[in-house]
PDB file of all heavy atoms in Angstrom:
ATOM      1  N   PRO A   1      30.536  72.269  95.762  1.00  0.00           N
ATOM      2  CA  PRO A   1      29.678  71.451  96.555  1.00  0.00           C
ATOM      3  C   PRO A   1      28.215  71.950  96.508  1.00  0.00           C
ATOM      4  O   PRO A   1      27.935  73.131  96.371  1.00  0.00           O
ATOM      5  CB  PRO A   1      30.204  71.584  97.972  1.00  0.00           C
ATOM      6  CG  PRO A   1      30.934  72.915  97.945  1.00  0.00           C
ATOM      7  CD  PRO A   1      31.472  73.042  96.551  1.00  0.00           C
ATOM      8  N   LYS A   2      27.280  70.995  96.575  1.00  0.00           N
ATOM      9  CA  LYS A   2      25.885  71.347  96.703  1.00  0.00           C
ATOM     10  C   LYS A   2      25.691  71.832  98.149  1.00  0.00           C
ATOM     11  O   LYS A   2      26.524  71.536  99.015  1.00  0.00           O
ATOM     12  CB  LYS A   2      24.984  70.131  96.393  1.00  0.00           C
ATOM     13  CG  LYS A   2      25.129  69.719  94.938  1.00  0.00           C
ATOM     14  CD  LYS A   2      24.298  68.527  94.656  1.00  0.00           C
ATOM     15  CE  LYS A   2      24.498  68.030  93.220  1.00  0.00           C
ATOM     16  NZ  LYS A   2      24.022  66.728  92.962  1.00  0.00           N
ATOM     17  N   SER A   3      24.582  72.440  98.441  1.00  0.00           N
ATOM     18  CA  SER A   3      24.353  73.002  99.758  1.00  0.00           C
ATOM     19  C   SER A   3      24.405  71.960 100.864  1.00  0.00           C
ATOM     20  O   SER A   3      24.962  72.237 101.936  1.00  0.00           O
ATOM     21  CB  SER A   3      23.002  73.744  99.833  1.00  0.00           C
ATOM     22  OG  SER A   3      21.937  72.891  99.583  1.00  0.00           O
ATOM     23  N   GLY A   4      23.932  70.730 100.627  1.00  0.00           N
ATOM     24  CA  GLY A   4      23.932  69.716 101.666  1.00  0.00           C
ATOM     25  C   GLY A   4      25.371  69.247 101.971  1.00  0.00           C
ATOM     26  O   GLY A   4      25.706  69.017 103.093  1.00  0.00           O
ATOM     27  N   GLU A   5      26.173  69.195 100.906  1.00  0.00           N
ATOM     28  CA  GLU A   5      27.598  68.778 101.133  1.00  0.00           C
ATOM     29  C   GLU A   5      28.377  69.879 101.798  1.00  0.00           C
ATOM     30  O   GLU A   5      29.176  69.638 102.669  1.00  0.00           O
ATOM     31  CB  GLU A   5      28.223  68.418  99.770  1.00  0.00           C
ATOM     32  CG  GLU A   5      27.598  67.175  99.194  1.00  0.00           C
ATOM     33  CD  GLU A   5      27.753  67.073  97.704  1.00  0.00           C
ATOM     34  OE1 GLU A   5      27.953  68.134  96.998  1.00  0.00           O
ATOM     35  OE2 GLU A   5      27.641  65.945  97.179  1.00  0.00           O
ATOM     36  N   LEU A   6      28.091  71.141 101.405  1.00  0.00           N
ATOM     37  CA  LEU A   6      28.735  72.290 102.076  1.00  0.00           C
ATOM     38  C   LEU A   6      28.340  72.336 103.517  1.00  0.00           C
ATOM     39  O   LEU A   6      29.213  72.580 104.400  1.00  0.00           O
ATOM     40  CB  LEU A   6      28.307  73.587 101.355  1.00  0.00           C
ATOM     41  CG  LEU A   6      29.010  74.875 101.882  1.00  0.00           C
ATOM     42  CD1 LEU A   6      30.462  74.835 101.637  1.00  0.00           C
ATOM     43  CD2 LEU A   6      28.361  76.085 101.209  1.00  0.00           C
ATOM     44  N   SER A   7      27.089  72.068 103.843  1.00  0.00           N
ATOM     45  CA  SER A   7      26.638  72.036 105.186  1.00  0.00           C
ATOM     46  C   SER A   7      27.339  70.912 106.005  1.00  0.00           C
ATOM     47  O   SER A   7      27.763  71.161 107.147  1.00  0.00           O
ATOM     48  CB  SER A   7      25.101  71.781 105.233  1.00  0.00           C
ATOM     49  OG  SER A   7      24.620  71.625 106.555  1.00  0.00           O
ATOM     50  N   ARG A   8      27.489  69.735 105.407  1.00  0.00           N
ATOM     51  CA  ARG A   8      28.187  68.625 106.115  1.00  0.00           C
ATOM     52  C   ARG A   8      29.654  68.997 106.386  1.00  0.00           C
ATOM     53  O   ARG A   8      30.184  68.719 107.469  1.00  0.00           O
ATOM     54  CB  ARG A   8      28.084  67.353 105.325  1.00  0.00           C
ATOM     55  CG  ARG A   8      26.716  66.711 105.389  1.00  0.00           C
ATOM     56  CD  ARG A   8      26.734  65.269 104.949  1.00  0.00           C
ATOM     57  NE  ARG A   8      27.329  65.042 103.679  1.00  0.00           N
ATOM     58  CZ  ARG A   8      26.663  64.711 102.540  1.00  0.00           C
ATOM     59  NH1 ARG A   8      25.372  64.594 102.595  1.00  0.00           N
ATOM     60  NH2 ARG A   8      27.285  64.497 101.440  1.00  0.00           N
ATOM     61  N   LEU A   9      30.268  69.610 105.434  1.00  0.00           N
ATOM     62  CA  LEU A   9      31.677  70.020 105.650  1.00  0.00           C
ATOM     63  C   LEU A   9      31.761  71.061 106.722  1.00  0.00           C
ATOM     64  O   LEU A   9      32.620  70.969 107.626  1.00  0.00           O
ATOM     65  CB  LEU A   9      32.283  70.562 104.307  1.00  0.00           C
ATOM     66  CG  LEU A   9      32.501  69.496 103.228  1.00  0.00           C
ATOM     67  CD1 LEU A   9      32.809  70.173 101.903  1.00  0.00           C
ATOM     68  CD2 LEU A   9      33.612  68.512 103.597  1.00  0.00           C
ATOM     69  N   ALA A  10      30.916  72.059 106.681  1.00  0.00           N
ATOM     70  CA  ALA A  10      30.949  73.125 107.691  1.00  0.00           C
ATOM     71  C   ALA A  10      30.675  72.563 109.061  1.00  0.00           C
ATOM     72  O   ALA A  10      31.374  72.901 110.049  1.00  0.00           O
ATOM     73  CB  ALA A  10      29.912  74.208 107.315  1.00  0.00           C
ATOM     74  N   ASP A  11      29.666  71.688 109.157  1.00  0.00           N
ATOM     75  CA  ASP A  11      29.341  71.052 110.460  1.00  0.00           C
ATOM     76  C   ASP A  11      30.506  70.250 110.976  1.00  0.00           C
ATOM     77  O   ASP A  11      30.878  70.313 112.158  1.00  0.00           O
ATOM     78  CB  ASP A  11      28.125  70.145 110.361  1.00  0.00           C
ATOM     79  CG  ASP A  11      26.827  70.908 110.210  1.00  0.00           C
ATOM     80  OD1 ASP A  11      26.822  72.136 110.425  1.00  0.00           O
ATOM     81  OD2 ASP A  11      25.813  70.281 109.860  1.00  0.00           O
ATOM     82  N   PHE A  12      31.165  69.514 110.046  1.00  0.00           N
ATOM     83  CA  PHE A  12      32.278  68.663 110.472  1.00  0.00           C
ATOM     84  C   PHE A  12      33.418  69.545 111.034  1.00  0.00           C
ATOM     85  O   PHE A  12      34.007  69.211 112.061  1.00  0.00           O
ATOM     86  CB  PHE A  12      32.809  67.836 109.306  1.00  0.00           C
ATOM     87  CG  PHE A  12      33.995  67.033 109.704  1.00  0.00           C
ATOM     88  CD1 PHE A  12      33.939  65.901 110.432  1.00  0.00           C
ATOM     89  CD2 PHE A  12      35.295  67.477 109.338  1.00  0.00           C
ATOM     90  CE1 PHE A  12      35.039  65.174 110.820  1.00  0.00           C
ATOM     91  CE2 PHE A  12      36.427  66.788 109.711  1.00  0.00           C
ATOM     92  CZ  PHE A  12      36.293  65.610 110.459  1.00  0.00           C
ATOM     93  N   PHE A  13      33.766  70.605 110.358  1.00  0.00           N
ATOM     94  CA  PHE A  13      34.852  71.467 110.781  1.00  0.00           C
ATOM     95  C   PHE A  13      34.474  72.402 111.896  1.00  0.00           C
ATOM     96  O   PHE A  13      35.297  73.098 112.489  1.00  0.00           O
ATOM     97  CB  PHE A  13      35.407  72.266 109.610  1.00  0.00           C
ATOM     98  CG  PHE A  13      36.205  71.441 108.616  1.00  0.00           C
ATOM     99  CD1 PHE A  13      35.842  71.396 107.298  1.00  0.00           C
ATOM    100  CD2 PHE A  13      37.325  70.715 109.001  1.00  0.00           C
ATOM    101  CE1 PHE A  13      36.582  70.629 106.354  1.00  0.00           C
ATOM    102  CE2 PHE A  13      38.086  69.995 108.112  1.00  0.00           C
ATOM    103  CZ  PHE A  13      37.676  69.924 106.804  1.00  0.00           C
ATOM    104  N   GLY A  14      33.174  72.512 112.190  1.00  0.00           N
ATOM    105  CA  GLY A  14      32.696  73.401 113.255  1.00  0.00           C
ATOM    106  C   GLY A  14      32.715  74.872 112.864  1.00  0.00           C
ATOM    107  O   GLY A  14      32.954  75.745 113.701  1.00  0.00           O
ATOM    108  N   VAL A  15      32.517  75.161 111.585  1.00  0.00           N
ATOM    109  CA  VAL A  15      32.502  76.495 111.102  1.00  0.00           C
ATOM    110  C   VAL A  15      31.161  76.770 110.387  1.00  0.00           C
ATOM    111  O   VAL A  15      30.412  75.788 110.118  1.00  0.00           O
ATOM    112  CB  VAL A  15      33.671  76.769 110.099  1.00  0.00           C
ATOM    113  CG1 VAL A  15      35.025  76.646 110.799  1.00  0.00           C
ATOM    114  CG2 VAL A  15      33.588  75.914 108.847  1.00  0.00           C
ATOM    115  N   SER A  16      30.909  78.011 110.146  1.00  0.00           N
ATOM    116  CA  SER A  16      29.643  78.325 109.421  1.00  0.00           C
ATOM    117  C   SER A  16      29.817  78.050 107.917  1.00  0.00           C
ATOM    118  O   SER A  16      30.920  78.102 107.405  1.00  0.00           O
ATOM    119  CB  SER A  16      29.258  79.795 109.667  1.00  0.00           C
ATOM    120  OG  SER A  16      30.134  80.621 108.965  1.00  0.00           O
ATOM    121  N   MET A  17      28.723  77.784 107.251  1.00  0.00           N
ATOM    122  CA  MET A  17      28.754  77.623 105.818  1.00  0.00           C
ATOM    123  C   MET A  17      29.215  78.934 105.150  1.00  0.00           C
ATOM    124  O   MET A  17      29.957  78.912 104.161  1.00  0.00           O
ATOM    125  CB  MET A  17      27.366  77.217 105.270  1.00  0.00           C
ATOM    126  CG  MET A  17      26.969  75.836 105.628  1.00  0.00           C
ATOM    127  SD  MET A  17      25.285  75.387 105.171  1.00  0.00           S
ATOM    128  CE  MET A  17      25.205  75.753 103.420  1.00  0.00           C
ATOM    129  N   ASP A  18      28.818  80.090 105.715  1.00  0.00           N
ATOM    130  CA  ASP A  18      29.189  81.366 105.145  1.00  0.00           C
ATOM    131  C   ASP A  18      30.695  81.575 105.239  1.00  0.00           C
ATOM    132  O   ASP A  18      31.322  82.083 104.319  1.00  0.00           O
ATOM    133  CB  ASP A  18      28.476  82.508 105.862  1.00  0.00           C
ATOM    134  CG  ASP A  18      27.037  82.681 105.349  1.00  0.00           C
ATOM    135  OD1 ASP A  18      26.675  82.133 104.307  1.00  0.00           O
ATOM    136  OD2 ASP A  18      26.280  83.384 106.079  1.00  0.00           O
ATOM    137  N   TYR A  19      31.307  81.105 106.312  1.00  0.00           N
ATOM    138  CA  TYR A  19      32.750  81.217 106.467  1.00  0.00           C
ATOM    139  C   TYR A  19      33.428  80.329 105.433  1.00  0.00           C
ATOM    140  O   TYR A  19      34.305  80.745 104.693  1.00  0.00           O
ATOM    141  CB  TYR A  19      33.210  80.822 107.873  1.00  0.00           C
ATOM    142  CG  TYR A  19      34.727  80.776 107.956  1.00  0.00           C
ATOM    143  CD1 TYR A  19      35.490  81.878 108.026  1.00  0.00           C
ATOM    144  CD2 TYR A  19      35.358  79.495 107.869  1.00  0.00           C
ATOM    145  CE1 TYR A  19      36.898  81.749 108.095  1.00  0.00           C
ATOM    146  CE2 TYR A  19      36.739  79.391 107.879  1.00  0.00           C
ATOM    147  CZ  TYR A  19      37.486  80.566 108.020  1.00  0.00           C
ATOM    148  OH  TYR A  19      38.877  80.467 108.060  1.00  0.00           O
ATOM    149  N   LEU A  20      32.965  79.076 105.313  1.00  0.00           N
ATOM    150  CA  LEU A  20      33.570  78.148 104.434  1.00  0.00           C
ATOM    151  C   LEU A  20      33.506  78.617 102.967  1.00  0.00           C
ATOM    152  O   LEU A  20      34.435  78.429 102.214  1.00  0.00           O
ATOM    153  CB  LEU A  20      32.957  76.758 104.602  1.00  0.00           C
ATOM    154  CG  LEU A  20      33.679  75.556 104.009  1.00  0.00           C
ATOM    155  CD1 LEU A  20      35.130  75.446 104.567  1.00  0.00           C
ATOM    156  CD2 LEU A  20      32.944  74.272 104.303  1.00  0.00           C
ATOM    157  N   TRP A  21      32.406  79.239 102.625  1.00  0.00           N
ATOM    158  CA  TRP A  21      32.197  79.681 101.255  1.00  0.00           C
ATOM    159  C   TRP A  21      32.810  81.058 101.006  1.00  0.00           C
ATOM    160  O   TRP A  21      32.862  81.519  99.875  1.00  0.00           O
ATOM    161  CB  TRP A  21      30.697  79.668 100.934  1.00  0.00           C
ATOM    162  CG  TRP A  21      30.448  79.734  99.457  1.00  0.00           C
ATOM    163  CD1 TRP A  21      29.890  80.757  98.764  1.00  0.00           C
ATOM    164  CD2 TRP A  21      30.800  78.784  98.474  1.00  0.00           C
ATOM    165  NE1 TRP A  21      29.879  80.501  97.414  1.00  0.00           N
ATOM    166  CE2 TRP A  21      30.442  79.255  97.225  1.00  0.00           C
ATOM    167  CE3 TRP A  21      31.402  77.511  98.540  1.00  0.00           C
ATOM    168  CZ2 TRP A  21      30.618  78.526  96.022  1.00  0.00           C
ATOM    169  CZ3 TRP A  21      31.591  76.799  97.357  1.00  0.00           C
ATOM    170  CH2 TRP A  21      31.190  77.310  96.128  1.00  0.00           C
ATOM    171  N   GLY A  22      33.184  81.755 102.064  1.00  0.00           N
ATOM    172  CA  GLY A  22      33.850  83.077 101.880  1.00  0.00           C
ATOM    173  C   GLY A  22      32.922  84.244 102.004  1.00  0.00           C
ATOM    174  O   GLY A  22      33.282  85.369 101.647  1.00  0.00           O
ATOM    175  N   ARG A  23      31.700  84.019 102.519  1.00  0.00           N
ATOM    176  CA  ARG A  23      30.782  85.140 102.663  1.00  0.00           C
ATOM    177  C   ARG A  23      30.893  85.820 103.998  1.00  0.00           C
ATOM    178  O   ARG A  23      30.257  86.852 104.205  1.00  0.00           O
ATOM    179  CB  ARG A  23      29.346  84.606 102.477  1.00  0.00           C
ATOM    180  CG  ARG A  23      29.079  84.090 101.075  1.00  0.00           C
ATOM    181  CD  ARG A  23      27.607  83.714 100.894  1.00  0.00           C
ATOM    182  NE  ARG A  23      26.799  84.875 101.099  1.00  0.00           N
ATOM    183  CZ  ARG A  23      25.501  84.813 101.433  1.00  0.00           C
ATOM    184  NH1 ARG A  23      24.929  83.662 101.578  1.00  0.00           N
ATOM    185  NH2 ARG A  23      24.833  85.925 101.620  1.00  0.00           N
ATOM    186  N   SER A  24      31.692  85.239 104.908  1.00  0.00           N
ATOM    187  CA  SER A  24      31.841  85.809 106.223  1.00  0.00           C
ATOM    188  C   SER A  24      33.260  85.496 106.694  1.00  0.00           C
ATOM    189  O   SER A  24      33.880  84.518 106.300  1.00  0.00           O
ATOM    190  CB  SER A  24      30.811  85.178 107.165  1.00  0.00           C
ATOM    191  OG  SER A  24      31.106  85.518 108.532  1.00  0.00           O
ATOM    192  N   GLU A  25      33.763  86.379 107.545  1.00  0.00           N
ATOM    193  CA  GLU A  25      35.055  86.145 108.154  1.00  0.00           C
ATOM    194  C   GLU A  25      34.898  85.411 109.510  1.00  0.00           C
ATOM    195  O   GLU A  25      35.860  84.941 110.092  1.00  0.00           O
ATOM    196  CB  GLU A  25      35.806  87.444 108.404  1.00  0.00           C
ATOM    197  CG  GLU A  25      36.190  88.107 107.076  1.00  0.00           C
ATOM    198  CD  GLU A  25      37.071  87.234 106.194  1.00  0.00           C
ATOM    199  OE1 GLU A  25      38.023  86.652 106.695  1.00  0.00           O
ATOM    200  OE2 GLU A  25      36.709  87.134 104.975  1.00  0.00           O
ATOM    201  N   SER A  26      33.678  85.326 109.993  1.00  0.00           N
ATOM    202  CA  SER A  26      33.396  84.672 111.282  1.00  0.00           C
ATOM    203  C   SER A  26      33.259  83.167 111.073  1.00  0.00           C
ATOM    204  O   SER A  26      32.408  82.668 110.258  1.00  0.00           O
ATOM    205  CB  SER A  26      32.104  85.218 111.890  1.00  0.00           C
ATOM    206  OG  SER A  26      31.754  84.454 113.035  1.00  0.00           O
ATOM    207  N   GLN A  27      34.079  82.403 111.784  1.00  0.00           N
ATOM    208  CA  GLN A  27      34.036  80.960 111.685  1.00  0.00           C
ATOM    209  C   GLN A  27      32.830  80.376 112.458  1.00  0.00           C
ATOM    210  O   GLN A  27      32.407  79.238 112.218  1.00  0.00           O
ATOM    211  CB  GLN A  27      35.287  80.325 112.205  1.00  0.00           C
ATOM    212  CG  GLN A  27      36.489  80.573 111.304  1.00  0.00           C
ATOM    213  CD  GLN A  27      37.668  79.767 111.760  1.00  0.00           C
ATOM    214  OE1 GLN A  27      37.601  78.835 112.582  1.00  0.00           O
ATOM    215  NE2 GLN A  27      38.850  80.153 111.293  1.00  0.00           N
ATOM    216  N   THR A  28      32.337  81.102 113.384  1.00  0.00           N
ATOM    217  CA  THR A  28      31.321  80.587 114.318  1.00  0.00           C
ATOM    218  C   THR A  28      29.986  80.290 113.631  1.00  0.00           C
ATOM    219  O   THR A  28      29.432  81.245 112.987  1.00  0.00           O
ATOM    220  CB  THR A  28      31.094  81.562 115.476  1.00  0.00           C
ATOM    221  OG1 THR A  28      32.332  81.879 116.084  1.00  0.00           O
ATOM    222  CG2 THR A  28      30.164  80.969 116.534  1.00  0.00           C
ATOM    223  N   PRO A  29      29.523  79.076 113.695  1.00  0.00           N
ATOM    224  CA  PRO A  29      28.187  78.801 113.127  1.00  0.00           C
ATOM    225  C   PRO A  29      27.132  79.548 113.920  1.00  0.00           C
ATOM    226  O   PRO A  29      27.250  79.856 115.068  1.00  0.00           O
ATOM    227  CB  PRO A  29      28.011  77.275 113.289  1.00  0.00           C
ATOM    228  CG  PRO A  29      29.323  76.760 113.717  1.00  0.00           C
ATOM    229  CD  PRO A  29      30.108  77.887 114.271  1.00  0.00           C
ATOM    230  N   CYS A  30      26.019  79.896 113.203  1.00  0.00           N
ATOM    231  CA  CYS A  30      24.953  80.589 113.835  1.00  0.00           C
ATOM    232  C   CYS A  30      24.310  79.670 114.890  1.00  0.00           C
ATOM    233  O   CYS A  30      24.175  78.492 114.702  1.00  0.00           O
ATOM    234  CB  CYS A  30      23.854  80.941 112.801  1.00  0.00           C
ATOM    235  SG  CYS A  30      24.394  82.142 111.626  1.00  0.00           S
ATOM    236  N   GLN A  31      23.977  80.277 116.019  1.00  0.00           N
ATOM    237  CA  GLN A  31      23.330  79.566 117.085  1.00  0.00           C
ATOM    238  C   GLN A  31      21.958  80.142 117.245  1.00  0.00           C
ATOM    239  O   GLN A  31      21.732  81.286 117.031  1.00  0.00           O
ATOM    240  CB  GLN A  31      24.108  79.664 118.419  1.00  0.00           C
ATOM    241  CG  GLN A  31      25.529  79.114 118.320  1.00  0.00           C
ATOM    242  CD  GLN A  31      25.547  77.588 118.077  1.00  0.00           C
ATOM    243  OE1 GLN A  31      24.698  76.877 118.572  1.00  0.00           O
ATOM    244  NE2 GLN A  31      26.493  77.139 117.270  1.00  0.00           N
ATOM    245  N   SER A  32      20.976  79.328 117.671  1.00  0.00           N
ATOM    246  CA  SER A  32      19.660  79.823 117.942  1.00  0.00           C
ATOM    247  C   SER A  32      19.757  80.842 119.050  1.00  0.00           C
ATOM    248  O   SER A  32      20.361  80.676 120.053  1.00  0.00           O
ATOM    249  CB  SER A  32      18.770  78.645 118.354  1.00  0.00           C
ATOM    250  OG  SER A  32      17.492  79.155 118.738  1.00  0.00           O
ATOM    251  N   SER A  33      19.080  82.017 118.833  1.00  0.00           N
ATOM    252  CA  SER A  33      19.123  83.055 119.845  1.00  0.00           C
ATOM    253  C   SER A  33      18.153  82.784 120.951  1.00  0.00           C
ATOM    254  O   SER A  33      18.207  83.401 122.023  1.00  0.00           O
ATOM    255  CB  SER A  33      18.821  84.403 119.188  1.00  0.00           C
ATOM    256  OG  SER A  33      17.520  84.340 118.566  1.00  0.00           O
ATOM    257  N   VAL A  34      17.237  81.850 120.779  1.00  0.00           N
ATOM    258  CA  VAL A  34      16.268  81.529 121.837  1.00  0.00           C
ATOM    259  C   VAL A  34      16.395  80.047 122.151  1.00  0.00           C
ATOM    260  O   VAL A  34      15.935  79.197 121.365  1.00  0.00           O
ATOM    261  CB  VAL A  34      14.807  81.836 121.336  1.00  0.00           C
ATOM    262  CG1 VAL A  34      13.795  81.546 122.414  1.00  0.00           C
ATOM    263  CG2 VAL A  34      14.709  83.269 120.888  1.00  0.00           C
ATOM    264  N   PRO A  35      16.958  79.721 123.305  1.00  0.00           N
ATOM    265  CA  PRO A  35      17.095  78.305 123.660  1.00  0.00           C
ATOM    266  C   PRO A  35      15.739  77.687 123.925  1.00  0.00           C
ATOM    267  O   PRO A  35      14.796  78.342 124.427  1.00  0.00           O
ATOM    268  CB  PRO A  35      17.946  78.318 124.928  1.00  0.00           C
ATOM    269  CG  PRO A  35      17.917  79.722 125.428  1.00  0.00           C
ATOM    270  CD  PRO A  35      17.554  80.611 124.261  1.00  0.00           C
ATOM    271  N   VAL A  36      15.560  76.437 123.562  1.00  0.00           N
ATOM    272  CA  VAL A  36      14.324  75.739 123.805  1.00  0.00           C
ATOM    273  C   VAL A  36      14.502  74.816 124.974  1.00  0.00           C
ATOM    274  O   VAL A  36      15.384  73.991 124.986  1.00  0.00           O
ATOM    275  CB  VAL A  36      13.949  74.945 122.517  1.00  0.00           C
ATOM    276  CG1 VAL A  36      12.646  74.211 122.734  1.00  0.00           C
ATOM    277  CG2 VAL A  36      13.831  75.875 121.328  1.00  0.00           C
ATOM    278  N   SER A  37      13.593  74.934 125.934  1.00  0.00           N
ATOM    279  CA  SER A  37      13.671  74.109 127.147  1.00  0.00           C
ATOM    280  C   SER A  37      13.236  72.663 126.817  1.00  0.00           C
ATOM    281  O   SER A  37      12.561  72.422 125.849  1.00  0.00           O
ATOM    282  CB  SER A  37      12.752  74.693 128.202  1.00  0.00           C
ATOM    283  OG  SER A  37      11.368  74.545 127.864  1.00  0.00           O
ATOM    284  N   SER A  38      13.635  71.768 127.707  1.00  0.00           N
ATOM    285  CA  SER A  38      13.278  70.381 127.463  1.00  0.00           C
ATOM    286  C   SER A  38      11.788  70.166 127.570  1.00  0.00           C
ATOM    287  O   SER A  38      11.218  69.318 126.827  1.00  0.00           O
ATOM    288  CB  SER A  38      14.028  69.463 128.462  1.00  0.00           C
ATOM    289  OG  SER A  38      13.617  69.775 129.789  1.00  0.00           O
ATOM    290  N   SER A  39      11.089  70.925 128.397  1.00  0.00           N
ATOM    291  CA  SER A  39       9.657  70.780 128.478  1.00  0.00           C
ATOM    292  C   SER A  39       8.961  71.233 127.186  1.00  0.00           C
ATOM    293  O   SER A  39       7.995  70.659 126.769  1.00  0.00           O
ATOM    294  CB  SER A  39       9.064  71.544 129.724  1.00  0.00           C
ATOM    295  OG  SER A  39       9.300  72.918 129.555  1.00  0.00           O
ATOM    296  N   GLU A  40       9.561  72.257 126.587  1.00  0.00           N
ATOM    297  CA  GLU A  40       8.999  72.736 125.265  1.00  0.00           C
ATOM    298  C   GLU A  40       9.244  71.676 124.198  1.00  0.00           C
ATOM    299  O   GLU A  40       8.394  71.455 123.365  1.00  0.00           O
ATOM    300  CB  GLU A  40       9.627  74.055 124.883  1.00  0.00           C
ATOM    301  CG  GLU A  40       8.930  74.636 123.657  1.00  0.00           C
ATOM    302  CD  GLU A  40       9.400  76.048 123.352  1.00  0.00           C
ATOM    303  OE1 GLU A  40      10.071  76.698 124.156  1.00  0.00           O
ATOM    304  OE2 GLU A  40       9.116  76.491 122.207  1.00  0.00           O
ATOM    305  N   TRP A  41      10.405  70.990 124.246  1.00  0.00           N
ATOM    306  CA  TRP A  41      10.683  69.896 123.277  1.00  0.00           C
ATOM    307  C   TRP A  41       9.678  68.780 123.481  1.00  0.00           C
ATOM    308  O   TRP A  41       9.162  68.211 122.515  1.00  0.00           O
ATOM    309  CB  TRP A  41      12.119  69.386 123.409  1.00  0.00           C
ATOM    310  CG  TRP A  41      13.125  70.250 122.718  1.00  0.00           C
ATOM    311  CD1 TRP A  41      14.160  70.941 123.296  1.00  0.00           C
ATOM    312  CD2 TRP A  41      13.207  70.504 121.327  1.00  0.00           C
ATOM    313  NE1 TRP A  41      14.827  71.637 122.351  1.00  0.00           N
ATOM    314  CE2 TRP A  41      14.306  71.376 121.106  1.00  0.00           C
ATOM    315  CE3 TRP A  41      12.488  70.136 120.214  1.00  0.00           C
ATOM    316  CZ2 TRP A  41      14.697  71.802 119.857  1.00  0.00           C
ATOM    317  CZ3 TRP A  41      12.864  70.542 118.946  1.00  0.00           C
ATOM    318  CH2 TRP A  41      13.958  71.384 118.772  1.00  0.00           C
ATOM    319  N   GLN A  42       9.377  68.475 124.755  1.00  0.00           N
ATOM    320  CA  GLN A  42       8.387  67.436 125.041  1.00  0.00           C
ATOM    321  C   GLN A  42       7.018  67.850 124.500  1.00  0.00           C
ATOM    322  O   GLN A  42       6.336  67.014 123.908  1.00  0.00           O
ATOM    323  CB  GLN A  42       8.379  67.171 126.522  1.00  0.00           C
ATOM    324  CG  GLN A  42       9.552  66.449 127.052  1.00  0.00           C
ATOM    325  CD  GLN A  42       9.567  66.329 128.575  1.00  0.00           C
ATOM    326  OE1 GLN A  42       8.858  67.015 129.260  1.00  0.00           O
ATOM    327  NE2 GLN A  42      10.433  65.417 129.089  1.00  0.00           N
ATOM    328  N   ASP A  43       6.640  69.072 124.702  1.00  0.00           N
ATOM    329  CA  ASP A  43       5.336  69.565 124.206  1.00  0.00           C
ATOM    330  C   ASP A  43       5.292  69.452 122.669  1.00  0.00           C
ATOM    331  O   ASP A  43       4.284  69.055 122.090  1.00  0.00           O
ATOM    332  CB  ASP A  43       5.110  71.027 124.611  1.00  0.00           C
ATOM    333  CG  ASP A  43       4.855  71.166 126.136  1.00  0.00           C
ATOM    334  OD1 ASP A  43       4.553  70.168 126.774  1.00  0.00           O
ATOM    335  OD2 ASP A  43       4.938  72.303 126.599  1.00  0.00           O
ATOM    336  N   ARG A  44       6.416  69.832 122.032  1.00  0.00           N
ATOM    337  CA  ARG A  44       6.483  69.760 120.558  1.00  0.00           C
ATOM    338  C   ARG A  44       6.397  68.295 120.101  1.00  0.00           C
ATOM    339  O   ARG A  44       5.736  68.046 119.107  1.00  0.00           O
ATOM    340  CB  ARG A  44       7.784  70.381 120.023  1.00  0.00           C
ATOM    341  CG  ARG A  44       7.842  71.880 120.174  1.00  0.00           C
ATOM    342  CD  ARG A  44       9.104  72.463 119.651  1.00  0.00           C
ATOM    343  NE  ARG A  44       9.209  73.863 119.797  1.00  0.00           N
ATOM    344  CZ  ARG A  44      10.234  74.620 119.381  1.00  0.00           C
ATOM    345  NH1 ARG A  44      11.230  74.048 118.721  1.00  0.00           N
ATOM    346  NH2 ARG A  44      10.271  75.939 119.567  1.00  0.00           N
TER     347      ARG A  44
END
């Protein structure tokens, strides 16, 4: 798969691309370490 297709598959299954491709044993997709507030989204 190309990266876009690998990404769609990983997103669909709820796993990380690294897990799906075998680069990680962790199934958990990376999450942003800094949450963005709704007011910051409005400012953006």
